[in-house]
Amino acid sequence: MKITTLLGPIVALAFFTACSPSPQSTIIGTWTGLDGGTSEFLQDGTVIFKTPFGGGVTGKWEIPSAEKLKYSVDRGGVEISETCELELVDKDTIKVTRPNGVTDVLKRIKD
């Protein structure tokens, strides 16, 4: 009797943990910021940043922990890499806080 009572919550926790999306799968898609630029996170770890004026850069991204986003891009032969704070507000909104303290709020525009 005690084993059954104990196993119920453990099985439920395992089920919900396994079914909840990972930060990696949640961030995949195209997002836009307040400035009109876009960030496209591809499943293969590629990120494409585009400005509202047509310029952009391509790089790599990863989520080393549930609340961190790391990306690196090449700008004219210089590699720029940052690890940012990541907050998944809801399925269509994320907040990315860069090391300098600036927070970008991104809205999903395409899965």
C-alpha atoms as a PDB file:
ATOM      1  CA  MET A   1       0.000   0.000   0.000  1.00  0.00           C
ATOM      2  CA  LYS A   2       2.743   2.472   0.920  1.00  0.00           C
ATOM      3  CA  ILE A   3       4.737   1.619  -2.227  1.00  0.00           C
ATOM      4  CA  THR A   4       1.709   2.329  -4.454  1.00  0.00           C
ATOM      5  CA  THR A   5       1.082   5.647  -2.682  1.00  0.00           C
ATOM      6  CA  LEU A   6       4.703   6.645  -3.177  1.00  0.00           C
ATOM      7  CA  LEU A   7       4.955   5.498  -6.800  1.00  0.00           C
ATOM      8  CA  GLY A   8       1.934   7.480  -8.037  1.00  0.00           C
ATOM      9  CA  PRO A   9       3.535  10.942  -7.657  1.00  0.00           C
ATOM     10  CA  ILE A  10       6.905   9.680  -8.915  1.00  0.00           C
ATOM     11  CA  VAL A  11       5.364   8.246 -12.094  1.00  0.00           C
ATOM     12  CA  ALA A  12       3.351  11.458 -12.647  1.00  0.00           C
ATOM     13  CA  LEU A  13       6.459  13.613 -12.169  1.00  0.00           C
ATOM     14  CA  ALA A  14       8.454  11.474 -14.605  1.00  0.00           C
ATOM     15  CA  PHE A  15       5.643  11.678 -17.170  1.00  0.00           C
ATOM     16  CA  PHE A  16       5.309  15.472 -16.990  1.00  0.00           C
ATOM     17  CA  THR A  17       9.064  16.017 -16.969  1.00  0.00           C
ATOM     18  CA  ALA A  18       9.489  13.838 -20.057  1.00  0.00           C
ATOM     19  CA  CYS A  19       6.591  15.554 -21.860  1.00  0.00           C
ATOM     20  CA  SER A  20       7.568  19.164 -21.155  1.00  0.00           C
ATOM     21  CA  PRO A  21       9.505  20.746 -24.022  1.00  0.00           C
ATOM     22  CA  SER A  22      13.191  21.375 -23.549  1.00  0.00           C
ATOM     23  CA  PRO A  23      14.524  24.931 -23.848  1.00  0.00           C
ATOM     24  CA  GLN A  24      16.314  23.796 -27.034  1.00  0.00           C
ATOM     25  CA  SER A  25      13.085  22.719 -28.726  1.00  0.00           C
ATOM     26  CA  THR A  26      11.158  25.726 -27.410  1.00  0.00           C
ATOM     27  CA  ILE A  27      13.515  28.310 -28.920  1.00  0.00           C
ATOM     28  CA  ILE A  28      13.594  26.794 -32.432  1.00  0.00           C
ATOM     29  CA  GLY A  29      11.873  29.130 -34.874  1.00  0.00           C
ATOM     30  CA  THR A  30      11.957  32.750 -35.986  1.00  0.00           C
ATOM     31  CA  TRP A  31      11.639  35.557 -33.460  1.00  0.00           C
ATOM     32  CA  THR A  32      11.395  39.332 -33.789  1.00  0.00           C
ATOM     33  CA  GLY A  33      12.526  42.039 -31.405  1.00  0.00           C
ATOM     34  CA  LEU A  34      11.184  45.515 -30.748  1.00  0.00           C
ATOM     35  CA  ASP A  35      13.643  46.958 -33.305  1.00  0.00           C
ATOM     36  CA  GLY A  36      12.165  44.826 -36.112  1.00  0.00           C
ATOM     37  CA  GLY A  37      15.218  42.585 -36.452  1.00  0.00           C
ATOM     38  CA  THR A  38      14.827  38.817 -36.487  1.00  0.00           C
ATOM     39  CA  SER A  39      16.602  35.908 -34.848  1.00  0.00           C
ATOM     40  CA  GLU A  40      16.118  32.496 -36.434  1.00  0.00           C
ATOM     41  CA  PHE A  41      17.193  29.500 -34.346  1.00  0.00           C
ATOM     42  CA  LEU A  42      17.515  26.343 -36.431  1.00  0.00           C
ATOM     43  CA  GLN A  43      17.431  22.803 -35.056  1.00  0.00           C
ATOM     44  CA  ASP A  44      20.995  22.106 -36.231  1.00  0.00           C
ATOM     45  CA  GLY A  45      22.383  24.837 -33.931  1.00  0.00           C
ATOM     46  CA  THR A  46      22.591  27.555 -36.586  1.00  0.00           C
ATOM     47  CA  VAL A  47      21.371  31.051 -35.720  1.00  0.00           C
ATOM     48  CA  ILE A  48      20.635  33.764 -38.271  1.00  0.00           C
ATOM     49  CA  PHE A  49      20.391  37.338 -37.006  1.00  0.00           C
ATOM     50  CA  LYS A  50      18.920  39.877 -39.452  1.00  0.00           C
ATOM     51  CA  THR A  51      18.621  43.619 -38.974  1.00  0.00           C
ATOM     52  CA  PRO A  52      15.492  45.464 -40.099  1.00  0.00           C
ATOM     53  CA  PHE A  53      17.688  47.113 -42.770  1.00  0.00           C
ATOM     54  CA  GLY A  54      18.643  43.894 -44.558  1.00  0.00           C
ATOM     55  CA  GLY A  55      22.049  43.139 -43.032  1.00  0.00           C
ATOM     56  CA  GLY A  56      22.753  40.154 -40.852  1.00  0.00           C
ATOM     57  CA  VAL A  57      25.087  37.492 -39.565  1.00  0.00           C
ATOM     58  CA  THR A  58      24.999  33.725 -39.190  1.00  0.00           C
ATOM     59  CA  GLY A  59      26.492  31.766 -36.334  1.00  0.00           C
ATOM     60  CA  LYS A  60      25.940  28.944 -33.871  1.00  0.00           C
ATOM     61  CA  TRP A  61      23.783  28.701 -30.767  1.00  0.00           C
ATOM     62  CA  GLU A  62      23.357  26.352 -27.825  1.00  0.00           C
ATOM     63  CA  ILE A  63      21.588  26.235 -24.489  1.00  0.00           C
ATOM     64  CA  PRO A  64      24.182  24.959 -22.000  1.00  0.00           C
ATOM     65  CA  SER A  65      21.664  25.106 -19.130  1.00  0.00           C
ATOM     66  CA  ALA A  66      17.939  25.784 -18.750  1.00  0.00           C
ATOM     67  CA  GLU A  67      18.435  29.519 -18.223  1.00  0.00           C
ATOM     68  CA  LYS A  68      21.397  30.279 -20.511  1.00  0.00           C
ATOM     69  CA  LEU A  69      21.692  30.963 -24.236  1.00  0.00           C
ATOM     70  CA  LYS A  70      25.152  30.961 -25.793  1.00  0.00           C
ATOM     71  CA  TYR A  71      25.774  32.134 -29.325  1.00  0.00           C
ATOM     72  CA  SER A  72      28.756  32.981 -31.483  1.00  0.00           C
ATOM     73  CA  VAL A  73      28.895  34.818 -34.794  1.00  0.00           C
ATOM     74  CA  ASP A  74      31.651  35.900 -37.157  1.00  0.00           C
ATOM     75  CA  ARG A  75      31.694  39.610 -37.926  1.00  0.00           C
ATOM     76  CA  GLY A  76      34.309  40.434 -40.494  1.00  0.00           C
ATOM     77  CA  GLY A  77      36.732  37.777 -39.314  1.00  0.00           C
ATOM     78  CA  VAL A  78      36.198  38.534 -35.619  1.00  0.00           C
ATOM     79  CA  GLU A  79      34.301  35.931 -33.623  1.00  0.00           C
ATOM     80  CA  ILE A  80      31.852  37.380 -31.137  1.00  0.00           C
ATOM     81  CA  SER A  81      30.515  35.041 -28.470  1.00  0.00           C
ATOM     82  CA  GLU A  82      28.108  35.793 -25.632  1.00  0.00           C
ATOM     83  CA  THR A  83      26.366  33.799 -22.955  1.00  0.00           C
ATOM     84  CA  CYS A  84      23.054  35.414 -22.074  1.00  0.00           C
ATOM     85  CA  GLU A  85      20.355  34.862 -19.479  1.00  0.00           C
ATOM     86  CA  LEU A  86      17.328  33.200 -21.087  1.00  0.00           C
ATOM     87  CA  GLU A  87      13.779  33.423 -19.771  1.00  0.00           C
ATOM     88  CA  LEU A  88      10.987  31.512 -21.489  1.00  0.00           C
ATOM     89  CA  VAL A  89       8.024  33.782 -20.710  1.00  0.00           C
ATOM     90  CA  ASP A  90       5.553  31.662 -22.671  1.00  0.00           C
ATOM     91  CA  LYS A  91       5.597  29.593 -25.865  1.00  0.00           C
ATOM     92  CA  ASP A  92       5.712  32.744 -28.011  1.00  0.00           C
ATOM     93  CA  THR A  93       7.785  35.132 -25.870  1.00  0.00           C
ATOM     94  CA  ILE A  94      11.363  34.955 -24.610  1.00  0.00           C
ATOM     95  CA  LYS A  95      13.589  37.425 -22.799  1.00  0.00           C
ATOM     96  CA  VAL A  96      17.311  37.433 -23.530  1.00  0.00           C
ATOM     97  CA  THR A  97      19.513  39.459 -21.174  1.00  0.00           C
ATOM     98  CA  ARG A  98      22.990  40.093 -22.531  1.00  0.00           C
ATOM     99  CA  PRO A  99      26.092  40.390 -20.310  1.00  0.00           C
ATOM    100  CA  ASN A 100      25.894  44.213 -20.511  1.00  0.00           C
ATOM    101  CA  GLY A 101      22.462  44.078 -18.817  1.00  0.00           C
ATOM    102  CA  VAL A 102      20.378  44.921 -21.904  1.00  0.00           C
ATOM    103  CA  THR A 103      17.266  42.738 -22.167  1.00  0.00           C
ATOM    104  CA  ASP A 104      15.672  41.941 -25.520  1.00  0.00           C
ATOM    105  CA  VAL A 105      12.075  40.732 -25.577  1.00  0.00           C
ATOM    106  CA  LEU A 106      11.536  38.481 -28.579  1.00  0.00           C
ATOM    107  CA  LYS A 107       8.177  37.359 -29.982  1.00  0.00           C
ATOM    108  CA  ARG A 108       7.785  34.226 -32.099  1.00  0.00           C
ATOM    109  CA  ILE A 109       6.732  34.929 -35.678  1.00  0.00           C
ATOM    110  CA  LYS A 110       7.257  31.442 -37.144  1.00  0.00           C
ATOM    111  CA  ASP A 111       7.863  27.903 -35.831  1.00  0.00           C
END
